[in-house]
Amino acid sequence: MKIKYRSLELKYNPAPCRTLVLILIMLSGVLHSFAQSAEVDYNTYYQFPLSLGIEYQSLKPFGGESREIDITASYNQEIFTTEGITPLTGEIIADYISRNKAANQRFSVSYDLHDKTALSWDDDRKVAAFITPADSALRNYSSYIRQTSKNEVISGLSEALQTGMQVYSALTEIGVLYQVDPTSPFTAAQSNPLIVDSISLPRDTLKRATGDCDDLTVLYTSILETVGIETAFITVPGHIYAAFNTRVPSRSYKSVHPDRNMTLNINGELWIPVEITMIGNDDFLSAWRKGAVRQ
């Protein structure tokens, strides 16, 4: 069974976590479900045994026909409290009718549940699970930034751009710095989907004030998202960095920067790429320029 990541808990409800292959010989009315093994307290991580409620009356009973079935699992809130790697076992129960008699078979499965910081880079989109604009710590911090910067507003300049600059400067002032992850550097983790990487939640990076490129990217984008600014992340070989939407129409690029190449035209709106790892060492314009060069 595949490794499960606490950070992607919502992805598993009801996304498949295993595929079961049924080979029909003399079976009908097949109904299967997935549950936590009796060896572990069922209520620890699962909401309830999940009955998939799928019947296969249409399969030819004597043809040896096979059918793949996606197995899903429904987790409860306890999954958010795990630390490190938790080995788990589960049970697949197949109820069916054979020779006009009800029967069932049980299959044991095992897998590892990784904690809230774990992620593999087989799909870059997974990192979105770490962007947490609803976090009260981030919302309070972004409110503080806006309050302390309200007298520095530049008339006629994109509000999103000004906020992006303010957040970058605020993080610089509290000493946030780029630091390569010594145990799982992004360059190694991205190139090998079998490596389990570690990404800190934004509030933890904010408290620690250091992070790898992925940590800083999710921190910066999360803070911008708390004030309604649409963000994105850009991945290139060995690196990830941030971008945000100015909402300025692409035809008005000069109102953002006279050089059109300093922005990304996405669906008719201008986005600004930011090389967030330069924070603490260079100003916002330098980070913006470096991000634009990386495109």
C-alpha atoms as a PDB file:
ATOM      1  CA  MET A   1       0.000   0.000   0.000  1.00  0.00           C
ATOM      2  CA  LYS A   2       1.233   3.512  -0.795  1.00  0.00           C
ATOM      3  CA  ILE A   3       2.771   5.839   1.779  1.00  0.00           C
ATOM      4  CA  LYS A   4       0.170   8.245   3.194  1.00  0.00           C
ATOM      5  CA  TYR A   5       0.941  11.877   4.015  1.00  0.00           C
ATOM      6  CA  ARG A   6      -0.881  13.708   6.783  1.00  0.00           C
ATOM      7  CA  SER A   7      -0.386  16.976   4.876  1.00  0.00           C
ATOM      8  CA  LEU A   8      -2.540  15.594   2.052  1.00  0.00           C
ATOM      9  CA  GLU A   9      -5.291  14.200   4.286  1.00  0.00           C
ATOM     10  CA  LEU A  10      -8.054  15.899   2.329  1.00  0.00           C
ATOM     11  CA  LYS A  11      -6.699  14.388  -0.863  1.00  0.00           C
ATOM     12  CA  TYR A  12      -7.473  10.907   0.445  1.00  0.00           C
ATOM     13  CA  ASN A  13     -11.125  11.694   1.090  1.00  0.00           C
ATOM     14  CA  PRO A  14     -12.251  10.085  -1.126  1.00  0.00           C
ATOM     15  CA  ALA A  15      -9.207   9.628  -3.406  1.00  0.00           C
ATOM     16  CA  PRO A  16      -7.953   6.045  -3.806  1.00  0.00           C
ATOM     17  CA  CYS A  17      -5.075   4.794  -1.692  1.00  0.00           C
ATOM     18  CA  ARG A  18      -4.853   1.307  -3.183  1.00  0.00           C
ATOM     19  CA  THR A  19      -6.199  -0.614  -6.147  1.00  0.00           C
ATOM     20  CA  LEU A  20      -7.772  -4.034  -5.644  1.00  0.00           C
ATOM     21  CA  VAL A  21      -7.920  -6.459  -8.540  1.00  0.00           C
ATOM     22  CA  LEU A  22     -10.876  -8.839  -8.471  1.00  0.00           C
ATOM     23  CA  ILE A  23     -10.771 -11.966 -10.578  1.00  0.00           C
ATOM     24  CA  LEU A  24     -14.298 -13.299 -10.907  1.00  0.00           C
ATOM     25  CA  ILE A  25     -14.788 -17.039 -11.175  1.00  0.00           C
ATOM     26  CA  MET A  26     -18.165 -17.857  -9.641  1.00  0.00           C
ATOM     27  CA  LEU A  27     -18.965 -14.662  -7.759  1.00  0.00           C
ATOM     28  CA  SER A  28     -21.769 -12.129  -7.953  1.00  0.00           C
ATOM     29  CA  GLY A  29     -23.006  -9.168  -5.935  1.00  0.00           C
ATOM     30  CA  VAL A  30     -19.488  -8.218  -4.831  1.00  0.00           C
ATOM     31  CA  LEU A  31     -19.378  -5.497  -2.179  1.00  0.00           C
ATOM     32  CA  HIS A  32     -16.094  -4.374  -0.605  1.00  0.00           C
ATOM     33  CA  SER A  33     -14.981  -2.010   2.124  1.00  0.00           C
ATOM     34  CA  PHE A  34     -11.797  -0.731   3.787  1.00  0.00           C
ATOM     35  CA  ALA A  35     -11.306  -0.492   7.547  1.00  0.00           C
ATOM     36  CA  GLN A  36      -8.623  -0.044  10.187  1.00  0.00           C
ATOM     37  CA  SER A  37      -7.230  -3.351  11.380  1.00  0.00           C
ATOM     38  CA  ALA A  38      -8.475  -4.608  14.743  1.00  0.00           C
ATOM     39  CA  GLU A  39      -4.840  -4.630  15.871  1.00  0.00           C
ATOM     40  CA  VAL A  40      -4.966  -0.836  16.165  1.00  0.00           C
ATOM     41  CA  ASP A  41      -7.683   1.148  17.911  1.00  0.00           C
ATOM     42  CA  TYR A  42     -10.040   1.818  15.016  1.00  0.00           C
ATOM     43  CA  ASN A  43     -11.050   5.275  16.211  1.00  0.00           C
ATOM     44  CA  THR A  44      -7.444   6.490  16.308  1.00  0.00           C
ATOM     45  CA  TYR A  45      -7.253   7.635  12.691  1.00  0.00           C
ATOM     46  CA  TYR A  46     -10.407   6.533  10.852  1.00  0.00           C
ATOM     47  CA  GLN A  47     -13.833   8.100  10.938  1.00  0.00           C
ATOM     48  CA  PHE A  48     -15.613   4.842  10.122  1.00  0.00           C
ATOM     49  CA  PRO A  49     -15.220   1.696   8.046  1.00  0.00           C
ATOM     50  CA  LEU A  50     -15.681   2.919   4.511  1.00  0.00           C
ATOM     51  CA  SER A  51     -18.053   0.813   2.485  1.00  0.00           C
ATOM     52  CA  LEU A  52     -17.419   1.404  -1.179  1.00  0.00           C
ATOM     53  CA  GLY A  53     -20.868   0.090  -1.997  1.00  0.00           C
ATOM     54  CA  ILE A  54     -20.021  -1.056  -5.505  1.00  0.00           C
ATOM     55  CA  GLU A  55     -21.716  -4.087  -6.975  1.00  0.00           C
ATOM     56  CA  TYR A  56     -20.492  -5.972 -10.007  1.00  0.00           C
ATOM     57  CA  GLN A  57     -23.516  -7.873 -11.242  1.00  0.00           C
ATOM     58  CA  SER A  58     -22.443  -7.263 -14.833  1.00  0.00           C
ATOM     59  CA  LEU A  59     -19.253  -9.326 -14.647  1.00  0.00           C
ATOM     60  CA  LYS A  60     -19.304 -12.687 -16.353  1.00  0.00           C
ATOM     61  CA  PRO A  61     -19.309 -15.227 -13.494  1.00  0.00           C
ATOM     62  CA  PHE A  62     -17.433 -17.985 -15.324  1.00  0.00           C
ATOM     63  CA  GLY A  63     -15.168 -15.986 -17.590  1.00  0.00           C
ATOM     64  CA  GLY A  64     -12.353 -15.268 -15.133  1.00  0.00           C
ATOM     65  CA  GLU A  65     -12.932 -11.582 -15.815  1.00  0.00           C
ATOM     66  CA  SER A  66     -10.919  -9.132 -13.726  1.00  0.00           C
ATOM     67  CA  ARG A  67     -11.790  -5.624 -12.604  1.00  0.00           C
ATOM     68  CA  GLU A  68      -9.695  -2.985 -10.826  1.00  0.00           C
ATOM     69  CA  ILE A  69     -11.339  -1.224  -7.890  1.00  0.00           C
ATOM     70  CA  ASP A  70     -10.040   1.914  -6.177  1.00  0.00           C
ATOM     71  CA  ILE A  71      -9.884   1.601  -2.398  1.00  0.00           C
ATOM     72  CA  THR A  72     -10.497   4.772  -0.369  1.00  0.00           C
ATOM     73  CA  ALA A  73     -10.085   5.636   3.306  1.00  0.00           C
ATOM     74  CA  SER A  74     -11.759   8.277   5.458  1.00  0.00           C
ATOM     75  CA  TYR A  75      -9.555   9.736   8.208  1.00  0.00           C
ATOM     76  CA  ASN A  76     -10.552  11.708  11.286  1.00  0.00           C
ATOM     77  CA  GLN A  77      -8.876  14.734  12.884  1.00  0.00           C
ATOM     78  CA  GLU A  78      -6.433  12.610  14.898  1.00  0.00           C
ATOM     79  CA  ILE A  79      -4.365  12.277  11.731  1.00  0.00           C
ATOM     80  CA  PHE A  80      -3.252  15.880  12.263  1.00  0.00           C
ATOM     81  CA  THR A  81      -1.520  15.014  15.548  1.00  0.00           C
ATOM     82  CA  THR A  82       0.950  12.460  14.234  1.00  0.00           C
ATOM     83  CA  GLU A  83       4.688  13.059  14.393  1.00  0.00           C
ATOM     84  CA  GLY A  84       7.326  11.245  12.358  1.00  0.00           C
ATOM     85  CA  ILE A  85       6.339   7.998  10.670  1.00  0.00           C
ATOM     86  CA  THR A  86       3.450   5.902  11.993  1.00  0.00           C
ATOM     87  CA  PRO A  87       3.173   2.305  10.691  1.00  0.00           C
ATOM     88  CA  LEU A  88      -0.490   1.361  10.196  1.00  0.00           C
ATOM     89  CA  THR A  89      -2.419  -1.677   9.086  1.00  0.00           C
ATOM     90  CA  GLY A  90      -5.839  -1.924   7.523  1.00  0.00           C
ATOM     91  CA  GLU A  91      -8.238  -4.528   6.277  1.00  0.00           C
ATOM     92  CA  ILE A  92     -10.092  -4.917   3.006  1.00  0.00           C
ATOM     93  CA  ILE A  93     -13.329  -6.869   3.346  1.00  0.00           C
ATOM     94  CA  ALA A  94     -14.989  -8.360   0.263  1.00  0.00           C
ATOM     95  CA  ASP A  95     -18.541  -9.611   0.703  1.00  0.00           C
ATOM     96  CA  TYR A  96     -19.950 -11.666  -2.157  1.00  0.00           C
ATOM     97  CA  ILE A  97     -22.271 -14.487  -3.149  1.00  0.00           C
ATOM     98  CA  SER A  98     -20.818 -17.801  -4.291  1.00  0.00           C
ATOM     99  CA  ARG A  99     -23.010 -20.763  -5.302  1.00  0.00           C
ATOM    100  CA  ASN A 100     -26.005 -18.831  -3.949  1.00  0.00           C
ATOM    101  CA  LYS A 101     -24.401 -18.509  -0.497  1.00  0.00           C
ATOM    102  CA  ALA A 102     -23.163 -15.337   1.195  1.00  0.00           C
ATOM    103  CA  ALA A 103     -19.431 -15.297   1.918  1.00  0.00           C
ATOM    104  CA  ASN A 104     -16.613 -12.852   2.541  1.00  0.00           C
ATOM    105  CA  GLN A 105     -12.850 -12.615   2.428  1.00  0.00           C
ATOM    106  CA  ARG A 106     -10.533 -10.344   4.365  1.00  0.00           C
ATOM    107  CA  PHE A 107      -7.190  -8.982   3.146  1.00  0.00           C
ATOM    108  CA  SER A 108      -4.645  -7.291   5.399  1.00  0.00           C
ATOM    109  CA  VAL A 109      -2.729  -4.256   4.130  1.00  0.00           C
ATOM    110  CA  SER A 110       0.010  -2.175   5.737  1.00  0.00           C
ATOM    111  CA  TYR A 111       1.368   1.308   5.047  1.00  0.00           C
ATOM    112  CA  ASP A 112       3.281   4.187   6.645  1.00  0.00           C
ATOM    113  CA  LEU A 113       1.578   7.423   7.646  1.00  0.00           C
ATOM    114  CA  HIS A 114       3.983  10.372   7.508  1.00  0.00           C
ATOM    115  CA  ASP A 115       3.449  13.496   9.580  1.00  0.00           C
ATOM    116  CA  LYS A 116       2.351  16.987   8.583  1.00  0.00           C
ATOM    117  CA  THR A 117       5.727  18.068   7.192  1.00  0.00           C
ATOM    118  CA  ALA A 118       6.278  15.148   4.787  1.00  0.00           C
ATOM    119  CA  LEU A 119       5.893  15.309   1.012  1.00  0.00           C
ATOM    120  CA  SER A 120       7.249  13.611  -2.101  1.00  0.00           C
ATOM    121  CA  TRP A 121       7.726  15.573  -5.317  1.00  0.00           C
ATOM    122  CA  ASP A 122       6.127  13.194  -7.805  1.00  0.00           C
ATOM    123  CA  ASP A 123       3.470  15.894  -8.302  1.00  0.00           C
ATOM    124  CA  ASP A 124       4.467  19.545  -7.761  1.00  0.00           C
ATOM    125  CA  ARG A 125       0.854  20.505  -7.084  1.00  0.00           C
ATOM    126  CA  LYS A 126       0.996  18.754  -3.706  1.00  0.00           C
ATOM    127  CA  VAL A 127       2.853  21.722  -2.220  1.00  0.00           C
ATOM    128  CA  ALA A 128      -0.417  23.686  -2.328  1.00  0.00           C
ATOM    129  CA  ALA A 129      -1.497  21.679   0.732  1.00  0.00           C
ATOM    130  CA  PHE A 130       1.063  23.648   2.769  1.00  0.00           C
ATOM    131  CA  ILE A 131      -0.263  27.086   1.818  1.00  0.00           C
ATOM    132  CA  THR A 132      -2.418  28.005   4.828  1.00  0.00           C
ATOM    133  CA  PRO A 133      -4.033  31.457   4.540  1.00  0.00           C
ATOM    134  CA  ALA A 134      -6.645  30.573   7.179  1.00  0.00           C
ATOM    135  CA  ASP A 135      -3.962  30.209   9.875  1.00  0.00           C
ATOM    136  CA  SER A 136      -4.676  32.809  12.563  1.00  0.00           C
ATOM    137  CA  ALA A 137      -0.955  33.414  13.181  1.00  0.00           C
ATOM    138  CA  LEU A 138      -0.452  34.400   9.544  1.00  0.00           C
ATOM    139  CA  ARG A 139      -3.633  36.470   9.403  1.00  0.00           C
ATOM    140  CA  ASN A 140      -2.571  38.401  12.498  1.00  0.00           C
ATOM    141  CA  TYR A 141       0.899  38.965  11.086  1.00  0.00           C
ATOM    142  CA  SER A 142      -0.406  40.214   7.725  1.00  0.00           C
ATOM    143  CA  SER A 143      -2.788  42.580   9.557  1.00  0.00           C
ATOM    144  CA  TYR A 144       0.161  43.934  11.527  1.00  0.00           C
ATOM    145  CA  ILE A 145       2.127  44.506   8.314  1.00  0.00           C
ATOM    146  CA  ARG A 146      -0.749  46.377   6.701  1.00  0.00           C
ATOM    147  CA  GLN A 147      -1.293  48.523   9.779  1.00  0.00           C
ATOM    148  CA  THR A 148       2.368  49.522  10.056  1.00  0.00           C
ATOM    149  CA  SER A 149       2.628  50.207   6.315  1.00  0.00           C
ATOM    150  CA  LYS A 150      -0.581  52.176   5.804  1.00  0.00           C
ATOM    151  CA  ASN A 151       1.265  55.504   5.632  1.00  0.00           C
ATOM    152  CA  GLU A 152       3.644  54.247   2.958  1.00  0.00           C
ATOM    153  CA  VAL A 153       1.067  53.657   0.218  1.00  0.00           C
ATOM    154  CA  ILE A 154       2.088  54.851  -3.254  1.00  0.00           C
ATOM    155  CA  SER A 155      -0.842  56.274  -5.182  1.00  0.00           C
ATOM    156  CA  GLY A 156      -1.406  54.694  -8.600  1.00  0.00           C
ATOM    157  CA  LEU A 157       0.750  51.624  -7.939  1.00  0.00           C
ATOM    158  CA  SER A 158      -0.867  48.189  -7.846  1.00  0.00           C
ATOM    159  CA  GLU A 159      -2.078  47.416  -4.322  1.00  0.00           C
ATOM    160  CA  ALA A 160      -1.013  43.778  -4.698  1.00  0.00           C
ATOM    161  CA  LEU A 161       2.481  44.846  -5.743  1.00  0.00           C
ATOM    162  CA  GLN A 162       2.769  47.144  -2.754  1.00  0.00           C
ATOM    163  CA  THR A 163       1.605  44.386  -0.421  1.00  0.00           C
ATOM    164  CA  GLY A 164       4.110  41.982  -1.947  1.00  0.00           C
ATOM    165  CA  MET A 165       6.869  44.500  -1.287  1.00  0.00           C
ATOM    166  CA  GLN A 166       5.664  45.158   2.260  1.00  0.00           C
ATOM    167  CA  VAL A 167       5.515  41.472   3.176  1.00  0.00           C
ATOM    168  CA  TYR A 168       8.997  40.895   1.747  1.00  0.00           C
ATOM    169  CA  SER A 169      10.378  43.841   3.717  1.00  0.00           C
ATOM    170  CA  ALA A 170       8.603  42.791   6.918  1.00  0.00           C
ATOM    171  CA  LEU A 171      10.024  39.275   6.738  1.00  0.00           C
ATOM    172  CA  THR A 172      13.461  40.771   6.127  1.00  0.00           C
ATOM    173  CA  GLU A 173      13.130  42.985   9.205  1.00  0.00           C
ATOM    174  CA  ILE A 174      12.405  40.044  11.509  1.00  0.00           C
ATOM    175  CA  GLY A 175      15.474  38.233  10.171  1.00  0.00           C
ATOM    176  CA  VAL A 176      14.005  35.571   7.885  1.00  0.00           C
ATOM    177  CA  LEU A 177      16.799  33.897   5.915  1.00  0.00           C
ATOM    178  CA  TYR A 178      17.252  31.169   3.346  1.00  0.00           C
ATOM    179  CA  GLN A 179      18.870  28.015   4.680  1.00  0.00           C
ATOM    180  CA  VAL A 180      19.286  24.755   2.786  1.00  0.00           C
ATOM    181  CA  ASP A 181      17.592  21.800   4.467  1.00  0.00           C
ATOM    182  CA  PRO A 182      20.522  19.698   5.721  1.00  0.00           C
ATOM    183  CA  THR A 183      18.565  16.430   5.789  1.00  0.00           C
ATOM    184  CA  SER A 184      16.585  16.660   2.546  1.00  0.00           C
ATOM    185  CA  PRO A 185      17.720  19.532   0.292  1.00  0.00           C
ATOM    186  CA  PHE A 186      15.140  20.482  -2.316  1.00  0.00           C
ATOM    187  CA  THR A 187      17.490  19.731  -5.211  1.00  0.00           C
ATOM    188  CA  ALA A 188      17.769  16.088  -4.172  1.00  0.00           C
ATOM    189  CA  ALA A 189      14.120  15.644  -3.163  1.00  0.00           C
ATOM    190  CA  GLN A 190      12.698  17.121  -6.371  1.00  0.00           C
ATOM    191  CA  SER A 191      14.819  14.937  -8.623  1.00  0.00           C
ATOM    192  CA  ASN A 192      13.802  11.700  -6.897  1.00  0.00           C
ATOM    193  CA  PRO A 193      10.090  11.125  -6.196  1.00  0.00           C
ATOM    194  CA  LEU A 194      10.997   8.267  -3.856  1.00  0.00           C
ATOM    195  CA  ILE A 195      12.650  10.688  -1.423  1.00  0.00           C
ATOM    196  CA  VAL A 196      10.349  11.962   1.310  1.00  0.00           C
ATOM    197  CA  ASP A 197      10.984  15.688   1.682  1.00  0.00           C
ATOM    198  CA  SER A 198      10.104  17.867   4.654  1.00  0.00           C
ATOM    199  CA  ILE A 199       8.270  21.181   4.287  1.00  0.00           C
ATOM    200  CA  SER A 200       7.573  23.301   7.344  1.00  0.00           C
ATOM    201  CA  LEU A 201       4.155  24.795   7.864  1.00  0.00           C
ATOM    202  CA  PRO A 202       4.278  28.577   7.301  1.00  0.00           C
ATOM    203  CA  ARG A 203       3.675  29.418  10.962  1.00  0.00           C
ATOM    204  CA  ASP A 204       6.656  27.231  11.934  1.00  0.00           C
ATOM    205  CA  THR A 205       8.919  28.870   9.351  1.00  0.00           C
ATOM    206  CA  LEU A 206       7.786  32.289  10.575  1.00  0.00           C
ATOM    207  CA  LYS A 207       8.699  31.327  14.135  1.00  0.00           C
ATOM    208  CA  ARG A 208      12.035  29.736  13.209  1.00  0.00           C
ATOM    209  CA  ALA A 209      12.899  32.509  10.677  1.00  0.00           C
ATOM    210  CA  THR A 210      14.850  30.170   8.387  1.00  0.00           C
ATOM    211  CA  GLY A 211      13.848  27.786   5.632  1.00  0.00           C
ATOM    212  CA  ASP A 212      14.668  26.077   2.387  1.00  0.00           C
ATOM    213  CA  CYS A 213      13.271  27.416  -0.900  1.00  0.00           C
ATOM    214  CA  ASP A 214      10.062  25.410  -0.461  1.00  0.00           C
ATOM    215  CA  ASP A 215       9.580  26.573   3.147  1.00  0.00           C
ATOM    216  CA  LEU A 216      10.035  30.247   2.219  1.00  0.00           C
ATOM    217  CA  THR A 217       7.820  29.944  -0.853  1.00  0.00           C
ATOM    218  CA  VAL A 218       4.853  28.578   1.102  1.00  0.00           C
ATOM    219  CA  LEU A 219       5.389  31.161   3.859  1.00  0.00           C
ATOM    220  CA  TYR A 220       5.442  34.122   1.470  1.00  0.00           C
ATOM    221  CA  THR A 221       2.492  32.936  -0.620  1.00  0.00           C
ATOM    222  CA  SER A 222       0.452  32.037   2.458  1.00  0.00           C
ATOM    223  CA  ILE A 223       0.813  35.530   3.921  1.00  0.00           C
ATOM    224  CA  LEU A 224      -0.200  37.108   0.600  1.00  0.00           C
ATOM    225  CA  GLU A 225      -3.186  34.771   0.366  1.00  0.00           C
ATOM    226  CA  THR A 226      -4.429  35.931   3.798  1.00  0.00           C
ATOM    227  CA  VAL A 227      -5.213  39.336   2.275  1.00  0.00           C
ATOM    228  CA  GLY A 228      -6.808  37.915  -0.863  1.00  0.00           C
ATOM    229  CA  ILE A 229      -3.864  38.098  -3.239  1.00  0.00           C
ATOM    230  CA  GLU A 230      -3.805  35.198  -5.676  1.00  0.00           C
ATOM    231  CA  THR A 231      -0.470  33.388  -5.624  1.00  0.00           C
ATOM    232  CA  ALA A 232       1.361  30.590  -7.373  1.00  0.00           C
ATOM    233  CA  PHE A 233       4.626  28.716  -7.164  1.00  0.00           C
ATOM    234  CA  ILE A 234       7.029  28.076  -9.999  1.00  0.00           C
ATOM    235  CA  THR A 235       9.201  24.976 -10.135  1.00  0.00           C
ATOM    236  CA  VAL A 236      12.324  24.617 -12.223  1.00  0.00           C
ATOM    237  CA  PRO A 237      14.939  21.854 -11.956  1.00  0.00           C
ATOM    238  CA  GLY A 238      16.277  21.951  -8.405  1.00  0.00           C
ATOM    239  CA  HIS A 239      14.276  24.975  -7.264  1.00  0.00           C
ATOM    240  CA  ILE A 240      10.884  26.454  -6.365  1.00  0.00           C
ATOM    241  CA  TYR A 241       9.944  30.118  -5.967  1.00  0.00           C
ATOM    242  CA  ALA A 242       6.871  32.311  -5.616  1.00  0.00           C
ATOM    243  CA  ALA A 243       4.687  34.479  -7.849  1.00  0.00           C
ATOM    244  CA  PHE A 244       1.610  36.616  -7.224  1.00  0.00           C
ATOM    245  CA  ASN A 245      -1.105  38.275  -9.292  1.00  0.00           C
ATOM    246  CA  THR A 246      -1.183  42.073  -9.504  1.00  0.00           C
ATOM    247  CA  ARG A 247      -4.616  42.020 -11.204  1.00  0.00           C
ATOM    248  CA  VAL A 248      -3.246  44.596 -13.615  1.00  0.00           C
ATOM    249  CA  PRO A 249      -4.263  43.926 -17.261  1.00  0.00           C
ATOM    250  CA  SER A 250      -1.322  42.801 -19.394  1.00  0.00           C
ATOM    251  CA  ARG A 251      -1.758  45.751 -21.762  1.00  0.00           C
ATOM    252  CA  SER A 252      -0.970  48.078 -18.817  1.00  0.00           C
ATOM    253  CA  TYR A 253       2.390  46.472 -18.012  1.00  0.00           C
ATOM    254  CA  LYS A 254       4.143  49.863 -17.858  1.00  0.00           C
ATOM    255  CA  SER A 255       2.141  50.722 -14.748  1.00  0.00           C
ATOM    256  CA  VAL A 256       3.868  47.800 -13.023  1.00  0.00           C
ATOM    257  CA  HIS A 257       7.316  47.936 -14.649  1.00  0.00           C
ATOM    258  CA  PRO A 258       8.524  49.478 -17.915  1.00  0.00           C
ATOM    259  CA  ASP A 259      10.194  46.199 -18.889  1.00  0.00           C
ATOM    260  CA  ARG A 260       7.532  43.759 -20.069  1.00  0.00           C
ATOM    261  CA  ASN A 261       9.856  40.826 -19.316  1.00  0.00           C
ATOM    262  CA  MET A 262       9.681  41.574 -15.601  1.00  0.00           C
ATOM    263  CA  THR A 263       6.141  40.193 -15.427  1.00  0.00           C
ATOM    264  CA  LEU A 264       4.275  37.047 -16.434  1.00  0.00           C
ATOM    265  CA  ASN A 265       1.180  37.394 -18.580  1.00  0.00           C
ATOM    266  CA  ILE A 266      -1.246  34.766 -17.299  1.00  0.00           C
ATOM    267  CA  ASN A 267      -4.796  34.889 -18.647  1.00  0.00           C
ATOM    268  CA  GLY A 268      -4.448  38.572 -19.467  1.00  0.00           C
ATOM    269  CA  GLU A 269      -3.207  39.626 -16.018  1.00  0.00           C
ATOM    270  CA  LEU A 270       0.305  40.459 -14.842  1.00  0.00           C
ATOM    271  CA  TRP A 271       2.001  38.221 -12.295  1.00  0.00           C
ATOM    272  CA  ILE A 272       5.229  39.001 -10.463  1.00  0.00           C
ATOM    273  CA  PRO A 273       7.793  36.225  -9.854  1.00  0.00           C
ATOM    274  CA  VAL A 274       9.821  36.574  -6.656  1.00  0.00           C
ATOM    275  CA  GLU A 275      13.060  34.736  -5.868  1.00  0.00           C
ATOM    276  CA  ILE A 276      12.188  34.466  -2.199  1.00  0.00           C
ATOM    277  CA  THR A 277      15.502  32.831  -1.218  1.00  0.00           C
ATOM    278  CA  MET A 278      17.156  36.242  -1.621  1.00  0.00           C
ATOM    279  CA  ILE A 279      15.257  37.546   1.389  1.00  0.00           C
ATOM    280  CA  GLY A 280      17.507  38.981   4.080  1.00  0.00           C
ATOM    281  CA  ASN A 281      20.356  39.500   1.637  1.00  0.00           C
ATOM    282  CA  ASP A 282      18.841  41.577  -1.186  1.00  0.00           C
ATOM    283  CA  ASP A 283      15.911  43.937  -1.630  1.00  0.00           C
ATOM    284  CA  PHE A 284      12.552  43.143  -3.194  1.00  0.00           C
ATOM    285  CA  LEU A 285      13.427  44.550  -6.616  1.00  0.00           C
ATOM    286  CA  SER A 286      16.502  42.299  -6.816  1.00  0.00           C
ATOM    287  CA  ALA A 287      14.419  39.261  -5.838  1.00  0.00           C
ATOM    288  CA  TRP A 288      11.803  40.241  -8.423  1.00  0.00           C
ATOM    289  CA  ARG A 289      14.425  40.672 -11.138  1.00  0.00           C
ATOM    290  CA  LYS A 290      16.020  37.303 -10.308  1.00  0.00           C
ATOM    291  CA  GLY A 291      12.621  35.629 -10.406  1.00  0.00           C
ATOM    292  CA  ALA A 292      11.916  37.133 -13.818  1.00  0.00           C
ATOM    293  CA  VAL A 293      15.244  35.862 -15.161  1.00  0.00           C
ATOM    294  CA  ARG A 294      14.465  32.307 -13.992  1.00  0.00           C
ATOM    295  CA  GLN A 295      11.259  32.098 -16.071  1.00  0.00           C
END
